[in-house]
């Protein structure tokens, strides 16, 4: 249960960081003389954030899948060993 709570807190922190970063991009874009308006600044900001998030997912996903596969393999291995021991013990 603690892992679920930690995951929820992590997701919340990521959302807050993303929103704060988007406002930082908006301020930076608003100070740019080539920026026409706030809509353009927001579009630029969220496009940049989407690219950053996609980059992070591309880096993290293979690692997470490897760890997930390892955990599943260990669980199946333990269950298989318990089945083997229970059959031989009977």
Protein backbone atom coordinates (compact mmCIF):
# COMPACT_ATOMS: atom_id res chain seq x y z
CA UNK A 1 0.00 0.00 0.00
CA UNK A 2 2.89 2.34 0.72
CA UNK A 3 4.17 1.90 -2.83
CA UNK A 4 0.84 3.07 -4.26
CA UNK A 5 0.87 6.14 -2.01
CA UNK A 6 4.45 6.92 -3.05
CA UNK A 7 3.52 6.55 -6.71
CA UNK A 8 0.58 8.93 -6.27
CA UNK A 9 2.81 11.48 -4.56
CA UNK A 10 5.41 11.15 -7.31
CA UNK A 11 2.81 11.68 -10.04
CA UNK A 12 1.44 14.71 -8.20
CA UNK A 13 4.94 16.17 -7.89
CA UNK A 14 5.58 15.59 -11.60
CA UNK A 15 2.34 17.36 -12.50
CA UNK A 16 3.19 20.32 -10.26
CA UNK A 17 6.71 20.55 -11.69
CA UNK A 18 5.31 20.40 -15.23
CA UNK A 19 2.84 23.21 -14.54
CA UNK A 20 5.46 25.38 -12.85
CA UNK A 21 7.88 24.78 -15.71
CA UNK A 22 5.19 25.70 -18.23
CA UNK A 23 4.64 29.01 -16.50
CA UNK A 24 8.39 29.60 -16.62
CA UNK A 25 8.34 29.00 -20.35
CA UNK A 26 5.37 31.34 -20.71
CA UNK A 27 7.21 34.12 -18.90
CA UNK A 28 10.30 33.54 -21.01
CA UNK A 29 8.23 33.48 -24.20
CA UNK A 30 6.28 36.58 -23.16
CA UNK A 31 9.54 38.52 -22.82
CA UNK A 32 10.55 37.44 -26.33
CA UNK A 33 9.79 40.27 -28.79
CA UNK A 34 8.97 37.77 -31.55
CA UNK A 35 6.15 36.27 -29.46
CA UNK A 36 2.78 37.59 -30.63
CA UNK A 37 0.56 36.84 -27.66
CA UNK A 38 -0.10 34.66 -24.64
CA UNK A 39 -1.64 31.88 -26.76
CA UNK A 40 1.54 31.60 -28.77
CA UNK A 41 3.58 31.60 -25.57
CA UNK A 42 1.45 28.83 -24.10
CA UNK A 43 1.67 26.81 -27.30
CA UNK A 44 5.44 27.14 -27.33
CA UNK A 45 5.66 26.26 -23.65
CA UNK A 46 3.51 23.15 -23.82
CA UNK A 47 5.16 21.99 -27.03
CA UNK A 48 8.52 22.21 -25.30
CA UNK A 49 7.24 20.38 -22.24
CA UNK A 50 5.66 17.66 -24.40
CA UNK A 51 9.00 17.14 -26.11
CA UNK A 52 10.81 16.95 -22.77
CA UNK A 53 8.31 14.48 -21.32
CA UNK A 54 8.52 12.32 -24.45
CA UNK A 55 12.30 12.33 -24.14
CA UNK A 56 12.12 11.22 -20.52
CA UNK A 57 9.64 8.46 -21.34
CA UNK A 58 11.90 7.20 -24.12
CA UNK A 59 14.80 6.98 -21.67
CA UNK A 60 12.88 5.55 -18.69
CA UNK A 61 10.56 3.08 -20.42
CA UNK A 62 13.18 0.44 -21.40
CA UNK A 63 14.66 0.51 -17.90
CA UNK A 64 11.24 0.23 -16.24
CA UNK A 65 10.23 -2.64 -18.53
CA UNK A 66 13.45 -4.48 -17.71
CA UNK A 67 12.90 -4.10 -13.97
CA UNK A 68 9.24 -5.10 -14.32
CA UNK A 69 10.21 -8.19 -16.32
CA UNK A 70 12.81 -9.15 -13.73
CA UNK A 71 10.28 -8.84 -10.88
CA UNK A 72 7.72 -10.96 -12.75
CA UNK A 73 10.37 -13.58 -13.56
CA UNK A 74 11.41 -13.80 -9.91
CA UNK A 75 7.77 -14.15 -8.79
CA UNK A 76 7.12 -16.93 -11.32
CA UNK A 77 10.38 -18.61 -10.31
CA UNK A 78 9.46 -18.56 -6.62
CA UNK A 79 5.98 -19.94 -7.35
CA UNK A 80 7.44 -22.67 -9.57
CA UNK A 81 9.94 -23.62 -6.85
CA UNK A 82 7.19 -23.74 -4.20
CA UNK A 83 5.10 -25.98 -6.47
CA UNK A 84 8.09 -28.25 -7.02
CA UNK A 85 8.87 -28.48 -3.30
CA UNK A 86 5.22 -29.12 -2.37
CA UNK A 87 4.92 -31.96 -4.91
CA UNK A 88 8.10 -33.65 -3.77
CA UNK A 89 7.20 -33.28 -0.09
CA UNK A 90 3.84 -35.05 -0.44
